Amino acid sequence: MSKKQAQYQCRECACILPKWQGQCPDCKSWNSVEELPTIVGASQTNTNWHGKATTSSSILLSEVPVTDTPRFSSEISELDRVLGGGLVRGSVILLGGDPGIGKSTILLQCMAKISVSQNALYVTGEESPQQVSMRAQRLGLPNEHLKLLSSTCVEEIIAQTVINKPVVMVIDSIQTIYTNSLQSAAGSVSQIRESTAILVRLAKQSNIAIFLVGHVTKEGQLAGPRVLEHMVDTVLYFEGDSSTRYRVIRAVKNRFGAVNEIGIFAMTDEGIKQVSNPSAIFLSQHDKPVSGSIIMVSREGTRPILVEIQALVTESHSGHPRRISVGLEANRLAMLLAILQRHGGIPLYDQDVFINAVGGVRIAETGADLAVILAILSSYRDRPVSNRLLVFGEVGLSGEIRPVPNGEERLREAGKHGFETAIIPKANMPKRDSIKNMKLIPVNHLADTLDAL
C-alpha cells in the first residue's frame, strides 16, 4: 500500500508545499503555512479517467433560452445602483471593508427592510443574537420579521435554510464559517474556499441571494485565497476613512451590472444614510476663489460626480522634492509634472507638490489630468481660478488634450450646479446646441489651455 502524504498550504496565497516552512516561498509571509488533511497517494487514485460516459451534452449557443434576470430591491437605492439595479435571485455578493467601516450595519438595515415583505435570514458568526438585537433597536429598525441564526457551521446553516426558505441571506462573516468535511481551523484557506463553494452551490440550487461579509488584510485586500473573489458573482468594497462620516461602496466585479459603480453613504447616529446629491459633499464651499482649487466632473460607473481637486506647491528644502497624491494615482502625478515642465515651461523640480481629491473620493480615470495640471499651476503662481469654472480632459505625453467618455453628460451635471464656463477637449464639444447657459472653451493642446486660462 502507498504511504499517505502530508501536504502544507499557505493561508495567504494558497501555495501548496511538500513540507512545513516558517516562511512561504511565494508571498514571503511568515507563520502562514499550515498542514492540510492527509490525502491518499497517487497510486491509489484512478488515472484512467478518459473515455468515461457523461450525462451532459453540448448545445448550440443559439439554442440557449434568453430571459430577463429577475431582480428585487434591497430597499436601499444606492445599494441597488451598485448592484446593477437590485438583487438577483441565486447570486452571491461578497462585501469587504475595514473593521468598523459599517458592513454589518448596512446589511442589517437592508435585511430588516427586506424582511417586512419577504423571508430573510441573518447568520451571525461573530456577534451574539443579543448584540445584533441591540444594534437593531438603537437604529430603530423593524425587527418583527427578520430571522436570526447564530452559527458557524455551514451544514447547520443549510439545514436552517431548508426550514426557513429565505429569499435573501447574510453570512457575517465568511472567515468564521467552517465545514465538518475538513479538519482545519475556521478562517484557513481550505475552510474559506470549501465553505464558499458550498454556499455558492446552495445559492444556485435554492435560488437564494446571499451576502458574504469578508475581512480585509492590512493591505486592504480581501483576506483568504484569491479564488474567493472568482467564485462569487459580485465583489463590493466598502471604502472610507473611519474619522469621516462619508462611506463609498464600490463594485470591482459584477456579473449582473457595471463595474466601478459607486454608492455614496453617510454614517449617522441612526445608521448609514444615503446621500442623494453626492456632488455636494465633494465640493468645498469657498466664500471666494482660492488658488490651487479646480472643479472637475468624474464619471464613476454610470453617474457623473463633481469633485474638487486641490493642489499645494511649496518650495522644497530637501534634495528630493515630495510628490504626495491623495485620491489620485501617484505615478500619474509624476507624469503630469513632467508634461507641465516640457510643454508648459513650468519647472517644478525644486518644489514639493501635494494633490488631494476633496471628500476622500478615489479617482481612477484619466479625465482628471487637465484639472490636476491647472490646480498645480494655480497654486504655483498663487493665482485663484473662478469657482464657476469646470475642467476635464486627458493629457497625452506630447501635450495634446484627449477626449473623455460621456462628455455631454458631464456638462449637463455641471450645468445643474450653476457652472458658467468649462474648459474641455475639442473632441468633446457637443454636436448640437444642447448645453445652454454655459460657455464652452475647446482646447487641443496644453498650450491652448494655459492661454485660455
Protein backbone atom coordinates (compact mmCIF):
# COMPACT_ATOMS: atom_id res chain seq x y z
CA MET A 1 0.00 0.00 0.00
CA SER A 2 1.18 3.51 -0.77
CA LYS A 3 2.02 5.73 2.15
CA LYS A 4 -0.20 8.69 2.96
CA GLN A 5 1.43 12.03 2.21
CA ALA A 6 1.14 15.19 4.28
CA GLN A 7 0.70 18.47 2.42
CA TYR A 8 1.02 22.03 3.61
CA GLN A 9 -0.62 25.20 2.32
CA CYS A 10 -0.07 28.93 2.83
CA ARG A 11 -3.23 30.58 4.13
CA GLU A 12 -2.27 33.88 2.49
CA CYS A 13 -1.62 32.82 -1.12
CA ALA A 14 -2.84 29.14 -1.14
CA CYS A 15 0.60 27.90 -2.24
CA ILE A 16 0.99 24.08 -1.82
CA LEU A 17 4.23 22.94 -0.15
CA PRO A 18 5.58 19.40 0.40
CA LYS A 19 6.85 20.25 3.91
CA TRP A 20 6.34 22.84 6.58
CA GLN A 21 8.31 26.09 6.34
CA GLY A 22 8.38 29.15 8.53
CA GLN A 23 8.15 31.50 5.55
CA CYS A 24 6.11 30.96 2.39
CA PRO A 25 8.46 30.98 -0.63
CA ASP A 26 5.82 32.63 -2.85
CA CYS A 27 4.28 35.51 -0.86
CA LYS A 28 7.13 35.74 1.75
CA SER A 29 4.65 35.82 4.66
CA TRP A 30 5.77 34.34 7.99
CA ASN A 31 3.96 31.65 10.04
CA SER A 32 1.24 31.26 7.39
CA VAL A 33 1.94 27.62 6.38
CA GLU A 34 -0.41 25.03 7.87
CA GLU A 35 -0.97 21.33 7.36
CA LEU A 36 -3.80 20.14 5.13
CA PRO A 37 -5.77 16.92 5.71
CA THR A 38 -3.76 13.93 4.50
CA ILE A 39 -4.54 12.60 1.05
CA VAL A 40 -4.17 9.19 -0.49
CA GLY A 41 -1.08 8.53 -2.60
CA ALA A 42 -1.26 8.95 -6.33
CA SER A 43 -1.02 5.18 -6.93
CA GLN A 44 -4.43 4.67 -5.32
CA THR A 45 -6.18 7.25 -7.46
CA ASN A 46 -7.96 6.25 -10.62
CA THR A 47 -5.96 7.70 -13.52
CA ASN A 48 -7.98 6.00 -16.24
CA TRP A 49 -10.45 8.86 -16.49
CA HIS A 50 -10.60 9.31 -20.23
CA GLY A 51 -13.29 7.63 -22.24
CA LYS A 52 -15.93 7.67 -19.48
CA ALA A 53 -19.51 8.40 -20.44
CA THR A 54 -21.01 11.67 -19.22
CA THR A 55 -24.60 12.68 -18.67
CA SER A 56 -24.22 16.24 -20.06
CA SER A 57 -24.05 17.12 -23.72
CA SER A 58 -23.15 20.24 -25.67
CA ILE A 59 -25.75 22.52 -27.22
CA LEU A 60 -25.63 25.39 -29.67
CA LEU A 61 -25.37 28.88 -28.20
CA SER A 62 -28.35 29.96 -30.30
CA GLU A 63 -30.49 27.28 -28.64
CA VAL A 64 -29.96 28.63 -25.12
CA PRO A 65 -33.15 30.43 -23.99
CA VAL A 66 -32.56 34.07 -23.05
CA THR A 67 -34.68 35.52 -20.25
CA ASP A 68 -34.51 38.75 -18.29
CA THR A 69 -32.66 38.47 -15.00
CA PRO A 70 -35.28 38.76 -12.23
CA ARG A 71 -34.35 41.33 -9.60
CA PHE A 72 -35.83 42.63 -6.39
CA SER A 73 -34.94 45.73 -4.43
CA SER A 74 -32.63 45.73 -1.43
CA GLU A 75 -34.75 48.66 -0.11
CA ILE A 76 -31.60 50.85 -0.30
CA SER A 77 -31.48 52.66 -3.64
CA GLU A 78 -27.75 53.43 -3.52
CA LEU A 79 -27.00 49.74 -2.92
CA ASP A 80 -29.33 48.82 -5.78
CA ARG A 81 -27.37 51.17 -8.04
CA VAL A 82 -24.07 49.47 -7.17
CA LEU A 83 -25.59 46.01 -7.71
CA GLY A 84 -26.81 46.99 -11.18
CA GLY A 85 -30.50 47.57 -10.41
CA GLY A 86 -31.23 45.31 -7.44
CA LEU A 87 -30.57 41.86 -6.04
CA VAL A 88 -30.56 38.87 -8.39
CA ARG A 89 -32.01 35.60 -7.10
CA GLY A 90 -29.33 32.96 -6.80
CA SER A 91 -26.46 35.48 -6.76
CA VAL A 92 -23.61 35.61 -4.23
CA ILE A 93 -22.31 39.05 -3.21
CA LEU A 94 -19.04 39.47 -1.31
CA LEU A 95 -18.78 42.69 0.73
CA GLY A 96 -15.37 43.59 2.15
CA GLY A 97 -14.05 46.55 4.11
CA ASP A 98 -12.01 47.73 7.06
CA PRO A 99 -13.13 46.93 10.63
CA GLY A 100 -15.78 49.36 11.87
CA ILE A 101 -16.48 50.80 8.41
CA GLY A 102 -20.17 49.79 8.59
CA LYS A 103 -20.51 46.45 6.77
CA SER A 104 -22.70 44.77 9.37
CA THR A 105 -24.71 47.96 9.93
CA ILE A 106 -25.76 48.47 6.31
CA LEU A 107 -26.55 44.77 5.80
CA LEU A 108 -28.65 44.69 8.98
CA GLN A 109 -30.57 47.74 7.73
CA CYS A 110 -31.04 46.08 4.35
CA MET A 111 -32.22 42.76 5.80
CA ALA A 112 -34.58 44.39 8.30
CA LYS A 113 -36.33 46.31 5.50
CA ILE A 114 -36.49 43.30 3.15
CA SER A 115 -37.92 41.06 5.89
CA VAL A 116 -41.09 43.16 6.01
CA SER A 117 -42.18 41.74 2.64
CA GLN A 118 -40.00 38.64 2.11
CA ASN A 119 -38.28 35.91 4.11
CA ALA A 120 -34.79 36.98 5.20
CA LEU A 121 -32.18 35.21 7.34
CA TYR A 122 -29.25 36.90 9.08
CA VAL A 123 -26.49 34.46 10.08
CA THR A 124 -24.12 35.94 12.64
CA GLY A 125 -20.86 34.15 13.35
CA GLU A 126 -19.02 36.94 15.14
CA GLU A 127 -21.69 38.57 17.30
CA SER A 128 -24.28 37.11 19.60
CA PRO A 129 -28.00 37.49 18.82
CA GLN A 130 -28.29 39.92 21.73
CA GLN A 131 -25.65 42.21 20.21
CA VAL A 132 -27.41 42.21 16.83
CA SER A 133 -30.75 42.90 18.51
CA MET A 134 -29.27 45.83 20.48
CA ARG A 135 -27.94 47.37 17.26
CA ALA A 136 -31.30 46.98 15.54
CA GLN A 137 -33.07 48.71 18.45
CA ARG A 138 -30.51 51.52 18.53
CA LEU A 139 -31.03 52.13 14.80
CA GLY A 140 -34.81 51.91 15.10
CA LEU A 141 -35.13 49.07 12.57
CA PRO A 142 -38.22 46.86 12.19
CA ASN A 143 -37.31 43.59 13.90
CA GLU A 144 -40.61 41.69 13.95
CA HIS A 145 -39.96 39.64 10.80
CA LEU A 146 -36.17 39.25 10.47
CA LYS A 147 -34.94 35.77 11.43
CA LEU A 148 -31.59 35.49 13.21
CA LEU A 149 -29.25 32.49 13.35
CA SER A 150 -26.09 32.28 15.44
CA SER A 151 -23.99 29.53 13.84
CA THR A 152 -20.62 29.00 12.21
CA CYS A 153 -21.17 25.50 10.78
CA VAL A 154 -22.14 25.55 7.11
CA GLU A 155 -24.08 22.30 7.43
CA GLU A 156 -26.26 23.82 10.18
CA ILE A 157 -26.82 26.91 8.04
CA ILE A 158 -28.01 24.78 5.11
CA ALA A 159 -30.37 22.87 7.38
CA GLN A 160 -31.91 26.15 8.57
CA THR A 161 -32.36 27.40 5.01
CA VAL A 162 -34.39 24.26 4.25
CA ILE A 163 -36.66 25.06 7.21
CA ASN A 164 -36.96 28.85 6.79
CA LYS A 165 -36.74 29.05 2.96
CA PRO A 166 -35.27 32.58 2.87
CA VAL A 167 -35.16 34.70 -0.28
CA VAL A 168 -32.03 36.56 0.85
CA MET A 169 -29.43 35.64 3.48
CA VAL A 170 -26.40 37.29 5.08
CA ILE A 171 -23.31 35.40 6.31
CA ASP A 172 -21.37 37.59 8.75
CA SER A 173 -18.59 36.72 8.20
CA ILE A 174 -17.23 34.07 5.83
CA GLN A 175 -13.95 33.88 7.82
CA THR A 176 -15.84 32.39 10.79
CA ILE A 177 -17.64 29.67 8.80
CA TYR A 178 -16.34 26.09 8.68
CA THR A 179 -17.43 22.77 7.24
CA ASN A 180 -17.27 19.41 9.03
CA SER A 181 -15.72 17.78 5.95
CA LEU A 182 -12.35 19.44 6.72
CA GLN A 183 -10.27 19.26 9.88
CA SER A 184 -8.52 22.63 9.55
CA ALA A 185 -9.49 25.64 11.64
CA ALA A 186 -12.09 28.19 10.59
CA GLY A 187 -10.54 31.03 8.64
CA SER A 188 -7.91 28.87 6.96
CA VAL A 189 -7.55 28.86 3.18
CA SER A 190 -9.12 25.44 2.75
CA GLN A 191 -12.08 26.21 5.04
CA ILE A 192 -12.86 29.53 3.34
CA ARG A 193 -12.63 28.01 -0.11
CA GLU A 194 -14.74 24.93 0.64
CA SER A 195 -17.35 26.79 2.72
CA THR A 196 -17.77 29.39 -0.01
CA ALA A 197 -18.13 26.67 -2.65
CA ILE A 198 -20.90 25.02 -0.60
CA LEU A 199 -22.74 28.33 -0.13
CA VAL A 200 -22.44 29.17 -3.84
CA ARG A 201 -24.00 25.81 -4.74
CA LEU A 202 -26.75 26.47 -2.19
CA ALA A 203 -27.49 29.86 -3.76
CA LYS A 204 -27.69 28.46 -7.30
CA GLN A 205 -29.78 25.41 -6.39
CA SER A 206 -32.16 27.14 -3.95
CA ASN A 207 -32.34 30.48 -5.80
CA ILE A 208 -31.27 32.40 -2.69
CA ALA A 209 -29.41 35.72 -2.83
CA ILE A 210 -26.52 35.51 -0.36
CA PHE A 211 -24.39 38.32 1.08
CA LEU A 212 -20.95 37.25 2.35
CA VAL A 213 -19.12 39.66 4.66
CA GLY A 214 -15.35 39.40 4.17
CA HIS A 215 -12.45 40.61 6.28
CA VAL A 216 -9.61 42.55 4.69
CA THR A 217 -5.88 42.43 5.33
CA LYS A 218 -3.75 45.39 6.38
CA GLU A 219 -3.00 45.97 2.68
CA GLY A 220 -6.76 46.42 2.03
CA GLN A 221 -7.23 43.14 0.12
CA LEU A 222 -9.88 40.57 0.98
CA ALA A 223 -8.49 38.01 3.41
CA GLY A 224 -8.28 34.42 2.22
CA PRO A 225 -7.46 32.87 -1.12
CA ARG A 226 -7.77 34.97 -4.27
CA VAL A 227 -10.07 32.32 -5.70
CA LEU A 228 -12.72 33.59 -3.26
CA GLU A 229 -13.34 36.62 -5.49
CA HIS A 230 -13.58 34.41 -8.58
CA MET A 231 -16.20 32.12 -7.04
CA VAL A 232 -18.76 34.82 -6.20
CA ASP A 233 -20.87 36.84 -8.64
CA THR A 234 -20.27 40.31 -7.22
CA VAL A 235 -17.42 41.82 -5.19
CA LEU A 236 -18.08 45.08 -3.32
CA TYR A 237 -15.59 47.13 -1.34
CA PHE A 238 -16.70 49.41 1.50
CA GLU A 239 -14.31 52.36 1.38
CA GLY A 240 -13.87 55.41 3.56
CA ASP A 241 -11.99 56.82 6.49
CA SER A 242 -13.41 55.96 9.90
CA SER A 243 -12.61 59.54 11.01
CA THR A 244 -15.05 60.97 8.43
CA ARG A 245 -18.78 60.39 8.11
CA TYR A 246 -18.90 59.53 4.41
CA ARG A 247 -18.63 56.00 3.02
CA VAL A 248 -18.36 54.67 -0.52
CA ILE A 249 -19.37 51.20 -1.74
CA ARG A 250 -17.55 50.35 -4.97
CA ALA A 251 -18.21 47.37 -7.25
CA VAL A 252 -14.98 45.83 -8.56
CA LYS A 253 -16.69 42.76 -10.05
CA ASN A 254 -20.31 42.35 -11.07
CA ARG A 255 -21.71 39.68 -13.36
CA PHE A 256 -25.09 41.42 -13.40
CA GLY A 257 -24.12 45.07 -13.78
CA ALA A 258 -21.39 47.63 -14.41
CA VAL A 259 -18.10 47.57 -12.52
CA ASN A 260 -16.63 50.64 -10.79
CA GLU A 261 -20.17 51.73 -9.92
CA ILE A 262 -20.24 53.51 -6.56
CA GLY A 263 -22.82 54.26 -3.90
CA ILE A 264 -22.39 57.19 -1.52
CA PHE A 265 -23.46 56.91 2.12
CA ALA A 266 -23.13 58.92 5.33
CA MET A 267 -22.65 57.43 8.78
CA THR A 268 -25.06 58.96 11.30
CA ASP A 269 -26.39 58.21 14.78
CA GLU A 270 -29.35 56.46 13.14
CA GLY A 271 -27.21 54.21 10.96
CA ILE A 272 -25.99 54.59 7.40
CA LYS A 273 -27.99 57.06 5.30
CA GLN A 274 -27.95 57.51 1.54
CA VAL A 275 -26.53 60.69 0.02
CA SER A 276 -29.00 61.99 -2.56
CA ASN A 277 -26.64 64.65 -4.01
CA PRO A 278 -23.11 63.22 -3.87
CA SER A 279 -21.57 66.09 -5.85
CA ALA A 280 -22.28 68.48 -2.96
CA ILE A 281 -20.07 66.57 -0.48
CA PHE A 282 -17.05 66.60 -2.79
CA LEU A 283 -17.12 70.38 -3.31
CA SER A 284 -15.70 72.79 -0.74
CA GLN A 285 -17.81 75.88 -0.19
CA HIS A 286 -15.34 78.75 -0.51
CA ASP A 287 -16.55 82.31 0.08
CA LYS A 288 -14.26 83.48 -2.71
CA PRO A 289 -11.97 81.81 -5.27
CA VAL A 290 -8.78 80.33 -3.79
CA SER A 291 -5.55 79.33 -5.50
CA GLY A 292 -4.90 75.65 -6.17
CA SER A 293 -8.58 74.65 -6.43
CA ILE A 294 -10.15 73.32 -9.66
CA ILE A 295 -13.53 71.62 -10.14
CA MET A 296 -13.81 68.62 -12.45
CA VAL A 297 -16.50 66.07 -13.34
CA SER A 298 -15.53 62.46 -12.66
CA ARG A 299 -17.62 59.62 -14.02
CA GLU A 300 -17.90 56.76 -11.56
CA GLY A 301 -19.76 53.84 -13.11
CA THR A 302 -22.89 55.30 -14.71
CA ARG A 303 -23.04 58.54 -12.72
CA PRO A 304 -21.10 61.82 -13.15
CA ILE A 305 -19.90 63.39 -9.90
CA LEU A 306 -18.41 66.85 -9.36
CA VAL A 307 -15.11 66.67 -7.47
CA GLU A 308 -12.81 69.42 -6.27
CA ILE A 309 -9.10 68.88 -6.97
CA GLN A 310 -6.81 70.77 -4.60
CA ALA A 311 -3.09 71.36 -5.10
CA LEU A 312 -0.40 72.84 -2.87
CA VAL A 313 3.00 73.72 -4.32
CA THR A 314 5.71 74.89 -1.93
CA GLU A 315 9.46 75.32 -2.17
CA SER A 316 11.35 72.16 -1.24
CA HIS A 317 14.18 72.31 1.29
CA SER A 318 15.48 68.81 0.64
CA GLY A 319 17.33 67.17 -2.20
CA HIS A 320 14.34 65.05 -3.12
CA PRO A 321 11.10 67.06 -3.54
CA ARG A 322 8.00 65.26 -2.31
CA ARG A 323 5.17 64.20 -4.62
CA ILE A 324 2.17 63.21 -2.50
CA SER A 325 -1.20 62.34 -4.00
CA VAL A 326 -4.37 61.52 -2.04
CA GLY A 327 -7.24 60.09 -4.08
CA LEU A 328 -5.28 60.03 -7.35
CA GLU A 329 -2.54 57.78 -8.72
CA ALA A 330 0.92 58.90 -7.60
CA ASN A 331 2.70 57.67 -10.75
CA ARG A 332 0.33 59.68 -12.94
CA LEU A 333 1.08 62.79 -10.89
CA ALA A 334 4.80 62.42 -11.67
CA MET A 335 3.97 62.06 -15.38
CA LEU A 336 1.76 65.19 -15.37
CA LEU A 337 4.52 67.22 -13.70
CA ALA A 338 6.91 66.17 -16.47
CA ILE A 339 4.34 67.18 -19.13
CA LEU A 340 3.83 70.55 -17.44
CA GLN A 341 7.55 71.21 -17.45
CA ARG A 342 8.14 70.01 -21.03
CA HIS A 343 5.13 71.55 -22.79
CA GLY A 344 4.13 74.31 -20.38
CA GLY A 345 7.57 75.64 -19.47
CA ILE A 346 6.87 75.37 -15.71
CA PRO A 347 9.87 73.80 -13.89
CA LEU A 348 8.85 72.18 -10.60
CA TYR A 349 11.97 70.14 -9.88
CA ASP A 350 12.62 72.17 -6.71
CA GLN A 351 9.01 72.25 -5.45
CA ASP A 352 7.03 69.96 -3.15
CA VAL A 353 3.70 69.08 -4.78
CA PHE A 354 0.65 67.84 -2.85
CA ILE A 355 -2.60 66.77 -4.57
CA ASN A 356 -5.89 65.96 -2.85
CA ALA A 357 -9.35 64.94 -4.05
CA VAL A 358 -11.81 66.54 -1.62
CA GLY A 359 -14.15 64.26 0.32
CA GLY A 360 -11.96 61.17 0.30
CA VAL A 361 -13.14 60.01 -3.13
CA ARG A 362 -10.70 57.93 -5.18
CA ILE A 363 -10.42 58.93 -8.85
CA ALA A 364 -9.08 56.25 -11.19
CA GLU A 365 -9.97 57.73 -14.57
CA THR A 366 -7.70 59.88 -16.76
CA GLY A 367 -10.27 62.67 -17.11
CA ALA A 368 -8.73 64.38 -14.07
CA ASP A 369 -5.40 65.08 -15.82
CA LEU A 370 -6.22 68.59 -17.00
CA ALA A 371 -7.74 69.57 -13.66
CA VAL A 372 -4.64 68.38 -11.78
CA ILE A 373 -2.30 70.36 -14.04
CA LEU A 374 -4.34 73.57 -13.73
CA ALA A 375 -4.65 73.18 -9.95
CA ILE A 376 -0.85 72.80 -9.69
CA LEU A 377 -0.28 75.86 -11.88
CA SER A 378 -2.81 77.91 -9.89
CA SER A 379 -1.08 77.07 -6.61
CA TYR A 380 2.42 77.64 -8.04
CA ARG A 381 1.52 81.09 -9.39
CA ASP A 382 -0.76 81.82 -6.39
CA ARG A 383 -3.49 82.95 -8.77
CA PRO A 384 -7.06 81.92 -7.88
CA VAL A 385 -9.34 80.45 -10.54
CA SER A 386 -13.07 81.16 -10.70
CA ASN A 387 -15.12 78.68 -8.68
CA ARG A 388 -17.65 78.70 -11.52
CA LEU A 389 -15.08 77.14 -13.90
CA LEU A 390 -15.23 73.44 -14.80
CA VAL A 391 -12.33 71.45 -16.30
CA PHE A 392 -11.93 67.89 -17.54
CA GLY A 393 -9.78 66.12 -20.12
CA GLU A 394 -6.94 63.62 -20.55
CA VAL A 395 -3.44 64.92 -21.24
CA GLY A 396 -1.10 62.96 -23.50
CA LEU A 397 2.69 62.82 -23.29
CA SER A 398 3.03 65.17 -26.25
CA GLY A 399 0.81 67.75 -24.53
CA GLU A 400 -2.34 67.02 -26.54
CA ILE A 401 -5.73 67.13 -24.81
CA ARG A 402 -7.61 63.90 -25.43
CA PRO A 403 -11.38 63.42 -25.12
CA VAL A 404 -13.03 61.50 -22.29
CA PRO A 405 -16.17 59.33 -22.44
CA ASN A 406 -19.63 60.83 -21.88
CA GLY A 407 -18.52 64.43 -22.13
CA GLU A 408 -22.01 65.81 -22.79
CA GLU A 409 -23.42 64.06 -19.73
CA ARG A 410 -20.66 65.57 -17.58
CA LEU A 411 -21.53 69.05 -18.86
CA ARG A 412 -25.21 68.55 -18.01
CA GLU A 413 -24.29 67.60 -14.45
CA ALA A 414 -22.17 70.75 -14.14
CA GLY A 415 -25.00 72.86 -15.54
CA LYS A 416 -27.30 71.63 -12.78
CA HIS A 417 -24.90 73.11 -10.20
CA GLY A 418 -24.66 76.52 -11.85
CA PHE A 419 -21.26 76.36 -13.55
CA GLU A 420 -20.81 79.07 -16.18
CA THR A 421 -17.59 78.16 -18.02
CA ALA A 422 -15.99 74.84 -18.99
CA ILE A 423 -12.58 74.07 -20.49
CA ILE A 424 -12.99 70.75 -22.31
CA PRO A 425 -11.25 68.74 -25.06
CA LYS A 426 -12.24 69.89 -28.52
CA ALA A 427 -13.43 66.38 -29.40
CA ASN A 428 -15.93 66.55 -26.51
CA MET A 429 -17.74 69.60 -27.91
CA PRO A 430 -21.46 68.81 -28.26
CA LYS A 431 -22.51 68.34 -31.87
CA ARG A 432 -25.68 70.33 -31.28
CA ASP A 433 -26.56 73.23 -29.03
CA SER A 434 -27.68 71.01 -26.15
CA ILE A 435 -25.68 72.75 -23.39
CA LYS A 436 -27.13 76.15 -22.67
CA ASN A 437 -26.19 78.87 -20.19
CA MET A 438 -22.57 77.65 -20.18
CA LYS A 439 -19.58 78.97 -22.11
CA LEU A 440 -17.56 76.09 -23.58
CA ILE A 441 -13.86 76.57 -24.36
CA PRO A 442 -12.49 73.72 -26.54
CA VAL A 443 -8.73 73.07 -26.40
CA ASN A 444 -6.40 70.81 -28.40
CA HIS A 445 -3.09 71.27 -26.61
CA LEU A 446 -1.79 72.16 -23.18
CA ALA A 447 -0.51 75.49 -24.52
CA ASP A 448 -4.04 76.35 -25.68
CA THR A 449 -5.36 75.55 -22.21
CA LEU A 450 -2.85 77.87 -20.49
CA ASP A 451 -3.73 80.68 -22.90
CA ALA A 452 -7.47 80.19 -22.28
CA LEU A 453 -6.96 80.14 -18.52
